[in-house]
C-alpha atoms as a PDB file:
ATOM      1  CA  GLY A   1     113.876 126.231  -8.219  1.00  0.00           C
ATOM      2  CA  GLY A   2     114.052 122.794  -9.796  1.00  0.00           C
ATOM      3  CA  TYR A   3     117.366 121.208 -10.666  1.00  0.00           C
ATOM      4  CA  ALA A   4     119.386 124.414 -10.915  1.00  0.00           C
ATOM      5  CA  GLY A   5     122.464 125.704  -9.156  1.00  0.00           C
ATOM      6  CA  GLY A   6     124.813 123.128 -10.679  1.00  0.00           C
ATOM      7  CA  GLY A   7     122.514 120.199 -10.084  1.00  0.00           C
ATOM      8  CA  PRO A   8     121.885 117.808  -7.191  1.00  0.00           C
ATOM      9  CA  HIS A   9     124.905 115.781  -6.133  1.00  0.00           C
ATOM     10  CA  THR A  10     126.602 114.010  -3.278  1.00  0.00           C
ATOM     11  CA  ASP A  11     130.185 114.708  -2.266  1.00  0.00           C
ATOM     12  CA  SER A  12     131.083 111.055  -1.853  1.00  0.00           C
ATOM     13  CA  SER A  13     129.790 107.538  -2.502  1.00  0.00           C
ATOM     14  CA  ALA A  14     129.945 104.061  -1.027  1.00  0.00           C
ATOM     15  CA  VAL A  15     133.244 103.373  -2.816  1.00  0.00           C
ATOM     16  CA  SER A  16     135.030 106.610  -1.919  1.00  0.00           C
ATOM     17  CA  ALA A  17     133.655 106.772   1.624  1.00  0.00           C
ATOM     18  CA  ASP A  18     134.787 103.202   2.364  1.00  0.00           C
ATOM     19  CA  ILE A  19     138.315 104.091   1.300  1.00  0.00           C
ATOM     20  CA  PHE A  20     138.235 107.354   3.243  1.00  0.00           C
ATOM     21  CA  ALA A  21     137.102 105.478   6.362  1.00  0.00           C
ATOM     22  CA  LEU A  22     139.974 103.013   6.043  1.00  0.00           C
ATOM     23  CA  ASN A  23     142.468 105.817   5.425  1.00  0.00           C
ATOM     24  CA  THR A  24     141.190 107.717   8.472  1.00  0.00           C
ATOM     25  CA  LEU A  25     141.704 104.706  10.707  1.00  0.00           C
ATOM     26  CA  LYS A  26     145.175 104.090   9.345  1.00  0.00           C
ATOM     27  CA  ALA A  27     146.195 107.744   9.727  1.00  0.00           C
ATOM     28  CA  ASN A  28     145.201 107.605  13.398  1.00  0.00           C
ATOM     29  CA  ASN A  29     146.792 104.199  14.053  1.00  0.00           C
ATOM     30  CA  LEU A  30     143.400 102.570  14.637  1.00  0.00           C
ATOM     31  CA  LYS A  31     142.267  99.092  13.612  1.00  0.00           C
ATOM     32  CA  GLY A  32     139.201  98.632  11.438  1.00  0.00           C
ATOM     33  CA  GLY A  33     138.412  95.365  13.180  1.00  0.00           C
ATOM     34  CA  ASP A  34     137.638  97.304  16.374  1.00  0.00           C
ATOM     35  CA  TYR A  35     134.651  99.028  14.746  1.00  0.00           C
ATOM     36  CA  LYS A  36     131.397  97.845  13.215  1.00  0.00           C
ATOM     37  CA  ARG A  37     130.033 100.944  11.478  1.00  0.00           C
ATOM     38  CA  TYR A  38     131.081 104.348  10.193  1.00  0.00           C
ATOM     39  CA  CYS A  39     129.226 107.481   9.177  1.00  0.00           C
ATOM     40  CA  TYR A  40     130.845 110.205   7.085  1.00  0.00           C
ATOM     41  CA  LEU A  41     129.230 113.526   8.039  1.00  0.00           C
ATOM     42  CA  ASN A  42     129.176 117.110   6.796  1.00  0.00           C
ATOM     43  CA  LEU A  43     128.516 120.176   8.974  1.00  0.00           C
ATOM     44  CA  TRP A  44     127.564 123.244   6.908  1.00  0.00           C
ATOM     45  CA  ARG A  45     126.873 126.747   8.164  1.00  0.00           C
ATOM     46  CA  ASN A  46     126.678 130.417   7.305  1.00  0.00           C
ATOM     47  CA  ILE A  47     129.731 132.481   8.282  1.00  0.00           C
ATOM     48  CA  GLY A  48     128.409 135.841   7.107  1.00  0.00           C
ATOM     49  CA  ASN A  49     127.166 138.560   9.430  1.00  0.00           C
ATOM     50  CA  GLU A  50     123.825 138.620   7.630  1.00  0.00           C
ATOM     51  CA  PRO A  51     121.296 135.759   7.333  1.00  0.00           C
ATOM     52  CA  ILE A  52     121.446 133.846   4.053  1.00  0.00           C
ATOM     53  CA  ARG A  53     118.966 135.390   1.614  1.00  0.00           C
ATOM     54  CA  ASP A  54     119.851 133.533  -1.571  1.00  0.00           C
ATOM     55  CA  ASN A  55     121.602 130.367  -2.747  1.00  0.00           C
ATOM     56  CA  HIS A  56     120.336 128.346   0.197  1.00  0.00           C
ATOM     57  CA  LEU A  57     121.584 124.808   0.770  1.00  0.00           C
ATOM     58  CA  GLY A  58     118.837 122.470  -0.401  1.00  0.00           C
ATOM     59  CA  CYS A  59     118.829 118.898   0.958  1.00  0.00           C
ATOM     60  CA  LEU A  60     116.951 115.925  -0.479  1.00  0.00           C
ATOM     61  CA  ASP A  61     115.120 113.366   1.670  1.00  0.00           C
ATOM     62  CA  GLU A  62     116.752 110.165   0.415  1.00  0.00           C
ATOM     63  CA  ARG A  63     113.663 108.171   1.366  1.00  0.00           C
ATOM     64  CA  THR A  64     111.967 109.759  -1.669  1.00  0.00           C
ATOM     65  CA  VAL A  65     114.708 108.668  -4.102  1.00  0.00           C
ATOM     66  CA  VAL A  66     114.138 105.635  -6.344  1.00  0.00           C
ATOM     67  CA  LYS A  67     116.997 103.149  -5.939  1.00  0.00           C
ATOM     68  CA  PRO A  68     119.066 102.455  -7.985  1.00  0.00           C
ATOM     69  CA  ASP A  69     117.368 104.321 -10.844  1.00  0.00           C
ATOM     70  CA  ASP A  70     118.088 107.846  -9.592  1.00  0.00           C
ATOM     71  CA  TYR A  71     121.801 107.390  -8.836  1.00  0.00           C
ATOM     72  CA  ILE A  72     124.208 108.429 -11.594  1.00  0.00           C
ATOM     73  CA  ILE A  73     127.846 107.639 -10.830  1.00  0.00           C
ATOM     74  CA  LYS A  74     130.296 110.457 -11.500  1.00  0.00           C
ATOM     75  CA  ASP A  75     134.102 110.518 -11.236  1.00  0.00           C
ATOM     76  CA  VAL A  76     135.509 113.852 -10.078  1.00  0.00           C
ATOM     77  CA  ILE A  77     139.201 114.068 -10.978  1.00  0.00           C
ATOM     78  CA  GLY A  78     141.642 116.845 -10.189  1.00  0.00           C
ATOM     79  CA  ASP A  79     145.296 117.399  -9.422  1.00  0.00           C
ATOM     80  CA  GLY A  80     146.082 115.342  -6.341  1.00  0.00           C
ATOM     81  CA  TYR A  81     142.621 113.919  -5.701  1.00  0.00           C
ATOM     82  CA  GLU A  82     139.849 111.792  -7.130  1.00  0.00           C
ATOM     83  CA  VAL A  83     136.446 110.942  -5.706  1.00  0.00           C
ATOM     84  CA  VAL A  84     133.413 108.994  -6.883  1.00  0.00           C
ATOM     85  CA  GLN A  85     130.159 110.902  -6.379  1.00  0.00           C
ATOM     86  CA  TYR A  86     126.499 110.548  -7.327  1.00  0.00           C
ATOM     87  CA  GLN A  87     124.446 112.850  -9.476  1.00  0.00           C
ATOM     88  CA  LEU A  88     120.669 112.658  -9.442  1.00  0.00           C
ATOM     89  CA  ASN A  89     118.508 111.377 -12.276  1.00  0.00           C
ATOM     90  CA  ALA A  90     115.489 113.682 -12.704  1.00  0.00           C
ATOM     91  CA  ARG A  91     113.317 110.767 -13.875  1.00  0.00           C
ATOM     92  CA  HIS A  92     111.397 110.754 -10.568  1.00  0.00           C
ATOM     93  CA  ALA A  93     111.791 114.446  -9.725  1.00  0.00           C
ATOM     94  CA  THR A  94     108.073 114.870  -9.033  1.00  0.00           C
ATOM     95  CA  GLN A  95     108.291 112.601  -5.991  1.00  0.00           C
ATOM     96  CA  HIS A  96     111.577 113.959  -4.617  1.00  0.00           C
ATOM     97  CA  LYS A  97     111.122 115.972  -1.421  1.00  0.00           C
ATOM     98  CA  TRP A  98     113.557 118.830  -0.929  1.00  0.00           C
ATOM     99  CA  TYR A  99     114.083 120.964   2.153  1.00  0.00           C
ATOM    100  CA  TYR A 100     115.972 124.153   2.923  1.00  0.00           C
ATOM    101  CA  PHE A 101     116.345 126.415   5.932  1.00  0.00           C
ATOM    102  CA  PRO A 102     115.581 130.066   5.105  1.00  0.00           C
ATOM    103  CA  SER A 103     117.510 132.971   6.603  1.00  0.00           C
ATOM    104  CA  MET A 104     120.123 130.805   8.281  1.00  0.00           C
ATOM    105  CA  THR A 105     122.314 132.769  10.688  1.00  0.00           C
ATOM    106  CA  ARG A 106     125.931 132.088  11.587  1.00  0.00           C
ATOM    107  CA  ASP A 107     124.977 130.298  14.815  1.00  0.00           C
ATOM    108  CA  GLU A 108     122.885 127.718  12.929  1.00  0.00           C
ATOM    109  CA  ALA A 109     124.204 124.696  11.039  1.00  0.00           C
ATOM    110  CA  ILE A 110     123.023 121.766   8.923  1.00  0.00           C
ATOM    111  CA  LEU A 111     124.399 118.305   9.671  1.00  0.00           C
ATOM    112  CA  PHE A 112     123.940 115.766   6.880  1.00  0.00           C
ATOM    113  CA  LYS A 113     125.342 112.423   5.781  1.00  0.00           C
ATOM    114  CA  GLN A 114     127.949 111.936   3.097  1.00  0.00           C
ATOM    115  CA  MET A 115     127.682 108.148   3.538  1.00  0.00           C
ATOM    116  CA  ASP A 116     126.606 105.682   6.210  1.00  0.00           C
ATOM    117  CA  SER A 117     128.027 102.170   6.013  1.00  0.00           C
ATOM    118  CA  ASP A 118     124.822 100.639   7.435  1.00  0.00           C
ATOM    119  CA  GLY A 119     123.039  99.429   4.296  1.00  0.00           C
ATOM    120  CA  SER A 120     119.841  98.623   6.211  1.00  0.00           C
ATOM    121  CA  LEU A 121     119.024 102.316   6.727  1.00  0.00           C
ATOM    122  CA  SER A 122     116.603 104.212   4.485  1.00  0.00           C
ATOM    123  CA  GLY A 123     118.760 107.328   4.567  1.00  0.00           C
ATOM    124  CA  ARG A 124     122.499 106.857   4.007  1.00  0.00           C
ATOM    125  CA  VAL A 125     123.606 109.732   1.775  1.00  0.00           C
ATOM    126  CA  CYS A 126     122.260 113.248   1.216  1.00  0.00           C
ATOM    127  CA  PHE A 127     121.904 114.788  -2.220  1.00  0.00           C
ATOM    128  CA  HIS A 128     122.235 118.551  -1.938  1.00  0.00           C
ATOM    129  CA  MET A 129     122.641 121.649  -4.055  1.00  0.00           C
ATOM    130  CA  SER A 130     122.672 125.428  -3.991  1.00  0.00           C
ATOM    131  CA  VAL A 131     119.130 126.728  -4.513  1.00  0.00           C
ATOM    132  CA  SER A 132     118.398 130.157  -5.958  1.00  0.00           C
ATOM    133  CA  ASP A 133     115.662 132.058  -4.131  1.00  0.00           C
ATOM    134  CA  PRO A 134     113.235 133.788  -6.543  1.00  0.00           C
ATOM    135  CA  THR A 135     112.214 136.184  -3.753  1.00  0.00           C
ATOM    136  CA  ALA A 136     115.771 137.409  -3.163  1.00  0.00           C
ATOM    137  CA  THR A 137     116.438 141.020  -4.097  1.00  0.00           C
ATOM    138  CA  LYS A 138     119.448 142.331  -5.966  1.00  0.00           C
ATOM    139  CA  LYS A 139     120.674 143.776  -2.679  1.00  0.00           C
ATOM    140  CA  ALA A 140     120.809 140.355  -1.034  1.00  0.00           C
ATOM    141  CA  PRO A 141     124.357 139.806   0.304  1.00  0.00           C
ATOM    142  CA  PRO A 142     126.392 137.048  -1.353  1.00  0.00           C
ATOM    143  CA  ARG A 143     126.274 133.767   0.547  1.00  0.00           C
ATOM    144  CA  GLN A 144     129.272 133.066   2.752  1.00  0.00           C
ATOM    145  CA  SER A 145     129.460 129.522   4.052  1.00  0.00           C
ATOM    146  CA  ILE A 146     131.908 126.983   5.384  1.00  0.00           C
ATOM    147  CA  GLU A 147     131.797 123.248   5.955  1.00  0.00           C
ATOM    148  CA  ILE A 148     133.702 120.671   7.918  1.00  0.00           C
ATOM    149  CA  ARG A 149     133.652 116.929   7.421  1.00  0.00           C
ATOM    150  CA  MET A 150     134.083 114.233   9.999  1.00  0.00           C
ATOM    151  CA  MET A 151     134.149 110.460  10.261  1.00  0.00           C
ATOM    152  CA  CYS A 152     132.298 108.758  13.115  1.00  0.00           C
ATOM    153  CA  PHE A 153     132.912 105.136  14.106  1.00  0.00           C
ATOM    154  CA  TRP A 154     130.849 102.736  16.212  1.00  0.00           C
ATOM    155  CA  LYS A 155     132.436  99.953  18.233  1.00  0.00           C
ATOM    156  CA  ASP A 156     128.987  98.451  18.818  1.00  0.00           C
ATOM    157  CA  ALA A 157     126.295  98.210  16.158  1.00  0.00           C
ATOM    158  CA  VAL A 158     123.436  95.883  15.240  1.00  0.00           C
ATOM    159  CA  LEU A 159     125.135  95.053  11.931  1.00  0.00           C
ATOM    160  CA  ASP A 160     128.853  94.871  11.218  1.00  0.00           C
ATOM    161  CA  THR A 161     129.115  96.992   8.069  1.00  0.00           C
ATOM    162  CA  MET A 162     132.714  98.186   8.348  1.00  0.00           C
ATOM    163  CA  PRO A 163     134.738  97.870   5.150  1.00  0.00           C
ATOM    164  CA  THR A 164     138.084  96.109   5.078  1.00  0.00           C
ATOM    165  CA  SER A 165     140.934  96.288   2.593  1.00  0.00           C
ATOM    166  CA  ASP A 166     139.969  92.787   1.473  1.00  0.00           C
ATOM    167  CA  ASN A 167     136.250  93.249   0.916  1.00  0.00           C
ATOM    168  CA  VAL A 168     136.649  96.569  -0.915  1.00  0.00           C
ATOM    169  CA  HIS A 169     139.362  94.920  -3.064  1.00  0.00           C
ATOM    170  CA  ARG A 170     141.723  97.865  -2.784  1.00  0.00           C
ATOM    171  CA  ASP A 171     144.440  95.918  -4.549  1.00  0.00           C
ATOM    172  CA  VAL A 172     142.445  95.875  -7.793  1.00  0.00           C
ATOM    173  CA  LEU A 173     140.709  99.267  -7.626  1.00  0.00           C
ATOM    174  CA  GLN A 174     141.911 101.471 -10.441  1.00  0.00           C
ATOM    175  CA  SER A 175     140.592 104.787 -11.610  1.00  0.00           C
ATOM    176  CA  PRO A 176     139.985 106.109 -15.144  1.00  0.00           C
ATOM    177  CA  LYS A 177     142.869 108.507 -14.537  1.00  0.00           C
ATOM    178  CA  GLU A 178     145.196 105.589 -13.873  1.00  0.00           C
ATOM    179  CA  TYR A 179     144.035 103.712 -16.968  1.00  0.00           C
ATOM    180  CA  ALA A 180     144.458 106.796 -19.137  1.00  0.00           C
ATOM    181  CA  ALA A 181     147.934 107.419 -17.697  1.00  0.00           C
ATOM    182  CA  GLN A 182     149.017 103.848 -18.358  1.00  0.00           C
ATOM    183  CA  LEU A 183     147.651 103.869 -21.880  1.00  0.00           C
ATOM    184  CA  LYS A 184     149.301 107.174 -22.617  1.00  0.00           C
ATOM    185  CA  GLY A 185     152.512 106.386 -20.786  1.00  0.00           C
ATOM    186  CA  SER A 186     152.119 109.537 -18.727  1.00  0.00           C
ATOM    187  CA  ASN A 187     150.442 110.583 -15.475  1.00  0.00           C
ATOM    188  CA  ASN A 188     149.019 113.717 -17.071  1.00  0.00           C
ATOM    189  CA  LEU A 189     145.290 113.262 -17.668  1.00  0.00           C
ATOM    190  CA  ALA A 190     145.114 116.292 -19.937  1.00  0.00           C
ATOM    191  CA  SER A 191     147.495 114.648 -22.409  1.00  0.00           C
ATOM    192  CA  ALA A 192     145.359 111.526 -22.890  1.00  0.00           C
ATOM    193  CA  SER A 193     143.486 111.208 -26.184  1.00  0.00           C
ATOM    194  CA  LEU A 194     139.712 110.986 -26.414  1.00  0.00           C
ATOM    195  CA  PHE A 195     139.986 107.341 -27.442  1.00  0.00           C
ATOM    196  CA  GLN A 196     142.127 106.540 -24.412  1.00  0.00           C
ATOM    197  CA  LEU A 197     139.702 108.256 -22.028  1.00  0.00           C
ATOM    198  CA  VAL A 198     136.733 106.427 -23.563  1.00  0.00           C
ATOM    199  CA  LEU A 199     138.639 103.169 -23.290  1.00  0.00           C
ATOM    200  CA  ALA A 200     139.478 103.935 -19.665  1.00  0.00           C
ATOM    201  CA  ILE A 201     135.810 104.535 -18.847  1.00  0.00           C
ATOM    202  CA  ALA A 202     134.867 101.343 -20.698  1.00  0.00           C
ATOM    203  CA  TYR A 203     137.000  99.404 -18.247  1.00  0.00           C
ATOM    204  CA  LYS A 204     134.584 100.454 -15.509  1.00  0.00           C
ATOM    205  CA  LEU A 205     131.498  99.009 -17.205  1.00  0.00           C
ATOM    206  CA  PRO A 206     130.788  95.540 -15.728  1.00  0.00           C
ATOM    207  CA  PHE A 207     130.637  93.389 -18.877  1.00  0.00           C
ATOM    208  CA  VAL A 208     132.813  95.543 -21.119  1.00  0.00           C
ATOM    209  CA  GLY A 209     135.387  95.958 -18.361  1.00  0.00           C
ATOM    210  CA  GLN A 210     135.669  92.205 -17.907  1.00  0.00           C
ATOM    211  CA  LEU A 211     136.118  91.785 -21.645  1.00  0.00           C
ATOM    212  CA  PHE A 212     138.877  94.403 -21.822  1.00  0.00           C
ATOM    213  CA  ASN A 213     140.577  92.901 -18.796  1.00  0.00           C
ATOM    214  CA  GLN A 214     140.602  89.478 -20.433  1.00  0.00           C
ATOM    215  CA  ILE A 215     142.081  90.955 -23.600  1.00  0.00           C
ATOM    216  CA  SER A 216     144.748  92.952 -21.754  1.00  0.00           C
ATOM    217  CA  VAL A 217     145.779  90.371 -19.164  1.00  0.00           C
ATOM    218  CA  THR A 218     148.691  89.173 -21.291  1.00  0.00           C
ATOM    219  CA  ASN A 219     149.963  92.746 -21.594  1.00  0.00           C
ATOM    220  CA  SER A 220     149.526  93.723 -17.952  1.00  0.00           C
ATOM    221  CA  LYS A 221     153.211  93.391 -17.136  1.00  0.00           C
ATOM    222  CA  LYS A 222     154.078  95.762 -19.960  1.00  0.00           C
ATOM    223  CA  THR A 223     151.835  98.552 -18.631  1.00  0.00           C
ATOM    224  CA  GLU A 224     152.769  98.049 -14.984  1.00  0.00           C
ATOM    225  CA  ILE A 225     154.712 101.058 -13.689  1.00  0.00           C
ATOM    226  CA  GLU A 226     158.041 100.026 -12.178  1.00  0.00           C
ATOM    227  CA  TYR A 227     160.492 101.924 -10.024  1.00  0.00           C
ATOM    228  CA  SER A 228     163.077 103.653 -12.206  1.00  0.00           C
ATOM    229  CA  GLY A 229     165.891 103.051  -9.736  1.00  0.00           C
ATOM    230  CA  HIS A 230     166.486 106.770  -9.289  1.00  0.00           C
ATOM    231  CA  ALA A 231     164.453 108.463  -6.553  1.00  0.00           C
ATOM    232  CA  THR A 232     165.092 111.922  -7.970  1.00  0.00           C
ATOM    233  CA  ASP A 233     163.100 110.963 -11.077  1.00  0.00           C
ATOM    234  CA  TYR A 234     159.937 111.405  -9.001  1.00  0.00           C
ATOM    235  CA  VAL A 235     160.597 114.850  -7.555  1.00  0.00           C
ATOM    236  CA  ASP A 236     158.879 116.839 -10.315  1.00  0.00           C
ATOM    237  CA  ARG A 237     155.576 114.973 -10.077  1.00  0.00           C
ATOM    238  CA  PHE A 238     155.333 115.587  -6.328  1.00  0.00           C
ATOM    239  CA  VAL A 239     156.338 119.233  -6.750  1.00  0.00           C
ATOM    240  CA  GLN A 240     153.380 119.556  -9.137  1.00  0.00           C
ATOM    241  CA  THR A 241     151.059 117.726  -6.746  1.00  0.00           C
ATOM    242  CA  VAL A 242     151.875 119.943  -3.757  1.00  0.00           C
ATOM    243  CA  GLY A 243     151.895 123.001  -5.988  1.00  0.00           C
ATOM    244  CA  SER A 244     148.296 122.260  -6.974  1.00  0.00           C
ATOM    245  CA  ILE A 245     147.019 122.389  -3.365  1.00  0.00           C
ATOM    246  CA  PRO A 246     144.935 125.531  -4.083  1.00  0.00           C
ATOM    247  CA  THR A 247     142.868 123.432  -6.520  1.00  0.00           C
ATOM    248  CA  TRP A 248     142.498 120.413  -4.224  1.00  0.00           C
ATOM    249  CA  HIS A 249     139.052 119.244  -3.182  1.00  0.00           C
ATOM    250  CA  GLY A 250     137.852 120.666   0.141  1.00  0.00           C
ATOM    251  CA  SER A 251     138.179 117.337   1.953  1.00  0.00           C
ATOM    252  CA  SER A 252     141.764 116.942   0.696  1.00  0.00           C
ATOM    253  CA  LYS A 253     142.699 120.401   1.935  1.00  0.00           C
ATOM    254  CA  ALA A 254     141.078 119.619   5.282  1.00  0.00           C
ATOM    255  CA  TRP A 255     143.104 116.417   5.534  1.00  0.00           C
ATOM    256  CA  ALA A 256     146.347 118.305   4.818  1.00  0.00           C
ATOM    257  CA  THR A 257     145.444 120.924   7.431  1.00  0.00           C
ATOM    258  CA  VAL A 258     144.812 118.264  10.070  1.00  0.00           C
ATOM    259  CA  GLN A 259     148.090 116.528   9.248  1.00  0.00           C
ATOM    260  CA  MET A 260     150.074 119.764   9.576  1.00  0.00           C
ATOM    261  CA  LYS A 261     148.481 120.632  12.913  1.00  0.00           C
ATOM    262  CA  ARG A 262     148.996 117.146  14.324  1.00  0.00           C
ATOM    263  CA  HIS A 263     152.760 117.651  14.270  1.00  0.00           C
ATOM    264  CA  GLU A 264     154.626 119.996  16.560  1.00  0.00           C
ATOM    265  CA  THR A 265     156.557 121.628  13.719  1.00  0.00           C
ATOM    266  CA  ALA A 266     156.011 122.546  10.084  1.00  0.00           C
ATOM    267  CA  GLN A 267     158.856 120.228   9.149  1.00  0.00           C
ATOM    268  CA  GLY A 268     157.151 117.330  10.907  1.00  0.00           C
ATOM    269  CA  GLY A 269     153.895 118.038   9.095  1.00  0.00           C
ATOM    270  CA  ILE A 270     155.625 118.218   5.727  1.00  0.00           C
ATOM    271  CA  GLU A 271     157.391 114.915   6.397  1.00  0.00           C
ATOM    272  CA  GLY A 272     154.113 113.230   7.403  1.00  0.00           C
ATOM    273  CA  ILE A 273     152.232 114.459   4.343  1.00  0.00           C
ATOM    274  CA  THR A 274     155.136 113.507   2.068  1.00  0.00           C
ATOM    275  CA  MET A 275     155.167 109.935   3.384  1.00  0.00           C
ATOM    276  CA  THR A 276     151.408 109.656   2.829  1.00  0.00           C
ATOM    277  CA  LEU A 277     151.628 111.037  -0.710  1.00  0.00           C
ATOM    278  CA  VAL A 278     154.407 108.613  -1.620  1.00  0.00           C
ATOM    279  CA  GLU A 279     152.538 105.715   0.021  1.00  0.00           C
ATOM    280  CA  ASP A 280     149.947 106.512  -2.661  1.00  0.00           C
ATOM    281  CA  GLN A 281     147.127 104.319  -1.358  1.00  0.00           C
ATOM    282  CA  LEU A 282     144.728 105.474  -4.096  1.00  0.00           C
ATOM    283  CA  GLY A 283     147.256 105.305  -6.924  1.00  0.00           C
ATOM    284  CA  PHE A 284     147.359 109.014  -7.793  1.00  0.00           C
ATOM    285  CA  GLN A 285     151.150 109.251  -8.050  1.00  0.00           C
ATOM    286  CA  GLY A 286     152.015 105.905  -9.630  1.00  0.00           C
ATOM    287  CA  THR A 287     154.091 104.813  -6.615  1.00  0.00           C
ATOM    288  CA  ARG A 288     151.483 102.662  -4.867  1.00  0.00           C
ATOM    289  CA  ASN A 289     153.023  99.335  -5.900  1.00  0.00           C
ATOM    290  CA  PHE A 290     156.616 100.270  -5.116  1.00  0.00           C
ATOM    291  CA  SER A 291     158.370  98.473  -2.257  1.00  0.00           C
ATOM    292  CA  GLN A 292     158.675 100.203   1.101  1.00  0.00           C
ATOM    293  CA  HIS A 293     162.415 100.588   0.513  1.00  0.00           C
ATOM    294  CA  GLU A 294     161.799 102.289  -2.827  1.00  0.00           C
ATOM    295  CA  LYS A 295     159.193 104.578  -1.287  1.00  0.00           C
ATOM    296  CA  ALA A 296     161.602 105.486   1.511  1.00  0.00           C
ATOM    297  CA  GLU A 297     164.199 106.465  -1.086  1.00  0.00           C
ATOM    298  CA  ILE A 298     161.674 108.740  -2.818  1.00  0.00           C
ATOM    299  CA  VAL A 299     160.654 110.366   0.476  1.00  0.00           C
ATOM    300  CA  ALA A 300     164.317 111.054   1.274  1.00  0.00           C
ATOM    301  CA  ALA A 301     164.862 112.522  -2.194  1.00  0.00           C
ATOM    302  CA  LEU A 302     161.846 114.793  -1.816  1.00  0.00           C
ATOM    303  CA  LEU A 303     162.804 116.059   1.632  1.00  0.00           C
ATOM    304  CA  GLY A 304     166.305 116.710   0.310  1.00  0.00           C
ATOM    305  CA  SER A 305     165.039 118.603  -2.734  1.00  0.00           C
ATOM    306  CA  SER A 306     165.111 122.401  -2.426  1.00  0.00           C
ATOM    307  CA  ALA A 307     162.400 122.732  -5.110  1.00  0.00           C
ATOM    308  CA  TYR A 308     160.058 120.348  -3.283  1.00  0.00           C
ATOM    309  CA  MET A 309     160.667 121.891   0.141  1.00  0.00           C
ATOM    310  CA  LEU A 310     160.114 125.378  -1.270  1.00  0.00           C
ATOM    311  CA  VAL A 311     156.680 124.504  -2.654  1.00  0.00           C
ATOM    312  CA  CYS A 312     155.813 122.650   0.577  1.00  0.00           C
ATOM    313  CA  LYS A 313     156.698 125.642   2.715  1.00  0.00           C
ATOM    314  CA  HIS A 314     154.697 127.907   0.431  1.00  0.00           C
ATOM    315  CA  HIS A 315     151.517 125.818   0.402  1.00  0.00           C
ATOM    316  CA  LEU A 316     151.646 123.720   3.587  1.00  0.00           C
ATOM    317  CA  GLU A 317     153.065 125.981   6.297  1.00  0.00           C
ATOM    318  CA  SER A 318     150.143 128.375   5.868  1.00  0.00           C
ATOM    319  CA  LEU A 319     147.730 125.555   6.774  1.00  0.00           C
ATOM    320  CA  LEU A 320     149.024 125.733  10.343  1.00  0.00           C
ATOM    321  CA  PHE A 321     147.248 129.064  10.708  1.00  0.00           C
ATOM    322  CA  ASP A 322     143.961 128.218   8.988  1.00  0.00           C
END
């Protein structure tokens, strides 16, 4: 029991969920001003033929969590995605109340919150973890589970808690990965030095970050990534991004699957995903600040690249049948 199984965590946070909500609206041609609240949900269930005997999904009652003491911010960074999550401080573990559902069958499911925009609620996000069962035998079948995530929006709500691009300050949000890439002069996180990564994280600390920003303001134009003038210069980075789909976070894979199935053809899905990747709303590819004309040139170069189309067909066409 206890804090085993990888440790308690959330899969999102207020910052990441706000951005995901805005991206969901934009992807579906909806206006944020038409809604007053969102809730990012997770549906988890057993898909095995046998009931779950071990490694149950444990869920924490957030009303027993001490705020903000118990929330530890964590950046999860991978190829093609980044998300801010929370880990749980064990300082008040004795008062945390955990629940699990024993012997779950494939026709049962757990619905829990990833984030609710309504800050007046006592339960907005659910810490969870895999829990080993000390009573499980060695013959217990391995757990087989699946999850889907969804975003719910309210047009009417007591409080208007919907984020906007302005109040989440999307134009100034920058991740440690971006800082490290700029400092290193590369978009490869693995090539950044320890000093550069520490410096990047320091930027996120309130006081220290402000200090570094004041020091670096005069050099900001030097580190700003500009369009090279040649769209083909960007093909390799997007080939690597699409090629890393097997390592993408579950929510990113789900998004790609939905985008492929929304279009009538595989080509249409590939074009839609390519435009979104180049739009680069979260700054993963370094093209976010390019003009729309420059982005259009890159999209055309990608769709005309045999190497890019080959990796797209290999990793994206299969999503149509998932």
